[in-house]
């Protein structure tokens, strides 16, 4: 599919005392033009960005290698340390809670 989109929508609800807070992240990832002039779909781009970011974090010794990594084992701050994650994190709302 040449014209796909990957939409990432994450909402976190938390409660602090009597106040509820909501933090959201919405990111749309589009396909890209490769260095060879070919088209990579949004799904290919998002998947490659994540795989490369994880490999880079293992290379940097930010996360341990050897074996698989659980879904919750890498924090957003750790992921942001890799330049490969820029595709995934552009426009991320970090620590910007809104009351609900």
C-alpha atoms as a PDB file:
ATOM      1  CA  UNK A   1       0.000   0.000   0.000  1.00  0.00           C
ATOM      2  CA  UNK A   2       1.594   3.254  -1.097  1.00  0.00           C
ATOM      3  CA  UNK A   3      -0.513   5.758   0.821  1.00  0.00           C
ATOM      4  CA  UNK A   4      -0.964   4.250   4.273  1.00  0.00           C
ATOM      5  CA  UNK A   5      -0.772   6.046   7.628  1.00  0.00           C
ATOM      6  CA  UNK A   6       0.117   4.772  11.062  1.00  0.00           C
ATOM      7  CA  UNK A   7      -1.739   6.586  13.818  1.00  0.00           C
ATOM      8  CA  UNK A   8      -0.463   6.215  17.358  1.00  0.00           C
ATOM      9  CA  UNK A   9      -2.918   7.352  20.035  1.00  0.00           C
ATOM     10  CA  UNK A  10      -2.080   6.849  23.698  1.00  0.00           C
ATOM     11  CA  UNK A  11      -3.989   8.264  26.664  1.00  0.00           C
ATOM     12  CA  UNK A  12      -2.867   7.874  30.257  1.00  0.00           C
ATOM     13  CA  UNK A  13      -5.279   8.621  33.091  1.00  0.00           C
ATOM     14  CA  UNK A  14      -3.931   9.175  36.586  1.00  0.00           C
ATOM     15  CA  UNK A  15      -5.222  10.404  39.891  1.00  0.00           C
ATOM     16  CA  UNK A  16      -3.372  12.690  42.267  1.00  0.00           C
ATOM     17  CA  UNK A  17      -5.315  13.138  45.461  1.00  0.00           C
ATOM     18  CA  UNK A  18      -8.832  14.136  44.423  1.00  0.00           C
ATOM     19  CA  UNK A  19      -7.739  15.386  40.997  1.00  0.00           C
ATOM     20  CA  UNK A  20      -7.777  13.242  37.857  1.00  0.00           C
ATOM     21  CA  UNK A  21      -5.305  14.004  35.086  1.00  0.00           C
ATOM     22  CA  UNK A  22      -5.051  12.901  31.487  1.00  0.00           C
ATOM     23  CA  UNK A  23      -1.983  12.969  29.263  1.00  0.00           C
ATOM     24  CA  UNK A  24      -2.352  12.126  25.581  1.00  0.00           C
ATOM     25  CA  UNK A  25      -0.030  11.454  22.687  1.00  0.00           C
ATOM     26  CA  UNK A  26      -1.210  11.463  19.087  1.00  0.00           C
ATOM     27  CA  UNK A  27       1.236  10.854  16.273  1.00  0.00           C
ATOM     28  CA  UNK A  28       0.612  10.263  12.590  1.00  0.00           C
ATOM     29  CA  UNK A  29       3.393   8.555  10.678  1.00  0.00           C
ATOM     30  CA  UNK A  30       3.386   8.742   6.883  1.00  0.00           C
ATOM     31  CA  UNK A  31       5.347   6.793   4.316  1.00  0.00           C
ATOM     32  CA  UNK A  32       8.725   8.203   3.317  1.00  0.00           C
ATOM     33  CA  UNK A  33      10.937   8.495   0.269  1.00  0.00           C
ATOM     34  CA  UNK A  34      14.057   6.353   0.701  1.00  0.00           C
ATOM     35  CA  UNK A  35      17.587   7.394  -0.240  1.00  0.00           C
ATOM     36  CA  UNK A  36      17.274   5.255  -3.375  1.00  0.00           C
ATOM     37  CA  UNK A  37      14.152   7.157  -4.438  1.00  0.00           C
ATOM     38  CA  UNK A  38      11.828   4.290  -3.568  1.00  0.00           C
ATOM     39  CA  UNK A  39       8.745   4.595  -1.391  1.00  0.00           C
ATOM     40  CA  UNK A  40       8.588   3.019   2.090  1.00  0.00           C
ATOM     41  CA  UNK A  41       5.104   2.642   3.551  1.00  0.00           C
ATOM     42  CA  UNK A  42       4.159   4.171   6.892  1.00  0.00           C
ATOM     43  CA  UNK A  43       4.079   0.694   8.449  1.00  0.00           C
ATOM     44  CA  UNK A  44       7.574  -0.073   7.127  1.00  0.00           C
ATOM     45  CA  UNK A  45       8.860   3.294   8.357  1.00  0.00           C
ATOM     46  CA  UNK A  46       7.365   2.953  11.860  1.00  0.00           C
ATOM     47  CA  UNK A  47       8.544  -0.658  12.254  1.00  0.00           C
ATOM     48  CA  UNK A  48      12.056   0.120  11.040  1.00  0.00           C
ATOM     49  CA  UNK A  49      12.323   3.179  13.306  1.00  0.00           C
ATOM     50  CA  UNK A  50      11.427   1.111  16.368  1.00  0.00           C
ATOM     51  CA  UNK A  51      13.730  -1.801  15.524  1.00  0.00           C
ATOM     52  CA  UNK A  52      16.652   0.543  14.777  1.00  0.00           C
ATOM     53  CA  UNK A  53      16.031   2.570  17.954  1.00  0.00           C
ATOM     54  CA  UNK A  54      16.007  -0.574  20.109  1.00  0.00           C
ATOM     55  CA  UNK A  55      19.204  -1.888  18.478  1.00  0.00           C
ATOM     56  CA  UNK A  56      20.810   1.524  18.988  1.00  0.00           C
ATOM     57  CA  UNK A  57      19.848   1.561  22.694  1.00  0.00           C
ATOM     58  CA  UNK A  58      21.402  -1.891  23.127  1.00  0.00           C
ATOM     59  CA  UNK A  59      24.531  -0.645  21.300  1.00  0.00           C
ATOM     60  CA  UNK A  60      24.687   2.408  23.608  1.00  0.00           C
ATOM     61  CA  UNK A  61      24.240   0.097  26.620  1.00  0.00           C
ATOM     62  CA  UNK A  62      21.146   2.091  27.641  1.00  0.00           C
ATOM     63  CA  UNK A  63      19.238  -1.182  27.849  1.00  0.00           C
ATOM     64  CA  UNK A  64      20.680  -4.626  28.310  1.00  0.00           C
ATOM     65  CA  UNK A  65      21.063  -6.887  25.319  1.00  0.00           C
ATOM     66  CA  UNK A  66      20.765 -10.641  25.215  1.00  0.00           C
ATOM     67  CA  UNK A  67      17.227 -11.895  24.996  1.00  0.00           C
ATOM     68  CA  UNK A  68      13.982 -10.130  24.365  1.00  0.00           C
ATOM     69  CA  UNK A  69      12.811  -6.870  25.893  1.00  0.00           C
ATOM     70  CA  UNK A  70       9.364  -6.656  27.486  1.00  0.00           C
ATOM     71  CA  UNK A  71       6.949  -4.027  26.225  1.00  0.00           C
ATOM     72  CA  UNK A  72       7.241  -1.939  29.396  1.00  0.00           C
ATOM     73  CA  UNK A  73      10.975  -2.401  29.891  1.00  0.00           C
ATOM     74  CA  UNK A  74      12.021   0.676  27.897  1.00  0.00           C
ATOM     75  CA  UNK A  75      10.862   4.106  29.032  1.00  0.00           C
ATOM     76  CA  UNK A  76       9.964   6.963  26.723  1.00  0.00           C
ATOM     77  CA  UNK A  77      12.998   8.880  28.009  1.00  0.00           C
ATOM     78  CA  UNK A  78      15.265   5.932  27.130  1.00  0.00           C
ATOM     79  CA  UNK A  79      13.719   5.587  23.669  1.00  0.00           C
ATOM     80  CA  UNK A  80      14.219   9.314  23.053  1.00  0.00           C
ATOM     81  CA  UNK A  81      17.994   8.833  23.462  1.00  0.00           C
ATOM     82  CA  UNK A  82      18.144   7.226  20.027  1.00  0.00           C
ATOM     83  CA  UNK A  83      17.942   9.438  16.926  1.00  0.00           C
ATOM     84  CA  UNK A  84      16.122   6.588  15.168  1.00  0.00           C
ATOM     85  CA  UNK A  85      13.129   7.141  17.443  1.00  0.00           C
ATOM     86  CA  UNK A  86      12.470  10.637  16.057  1.00  0.00           C
ATOM     87  CA  UNK A  87       9.926   9.220  13.594  1.00  0.00           C
ATOM     88  CA  UNK A  88       7.996   7.689  16.474  1.00  0.00           C
ATOM     89  CA  UNK A  89       8.286  10.539  18.974  1.00  0.00           C
ATOM     90  CA  UNK A  90       7.735  13.685  16.900  1.00  0.00           C
ATOM     91  CA  UNK A  91       5.104  15.774  18.661  1.00  0.00           C
ATOM     92  CA  UNK A  92       5.113  13.637  21.793  1.00  0.00           C
ATOM     93  CA  UNK A  93       3.503  15.208  24.824  1.00  0.00           C
ATOM     94  CA  UNK A  94       5.692  14.284  27.769  1.00  0.00           C
ATOM     95  CA  UNK A  95       4.744  15.343  31.318  1.00  0.00           C
ATOM     96  CA  UNK A  96       2.040  17.723  30.132  1.00  0.00           C
ATOM     97  CA  UNK A  97      -1.016  16.582  32.081  1.00  0.00           C
ATOM     98  CA  UNK A  98      -4.412  18.153  31.565  1.00  0.00           C
ATOM     99  CA  UNK A  99      -7.183  18.048  34.135  1.00  0.00           C
ATOM    100  CA  UNK A 100     -10.303  16.098  33.287  1.00  0.00           C
END
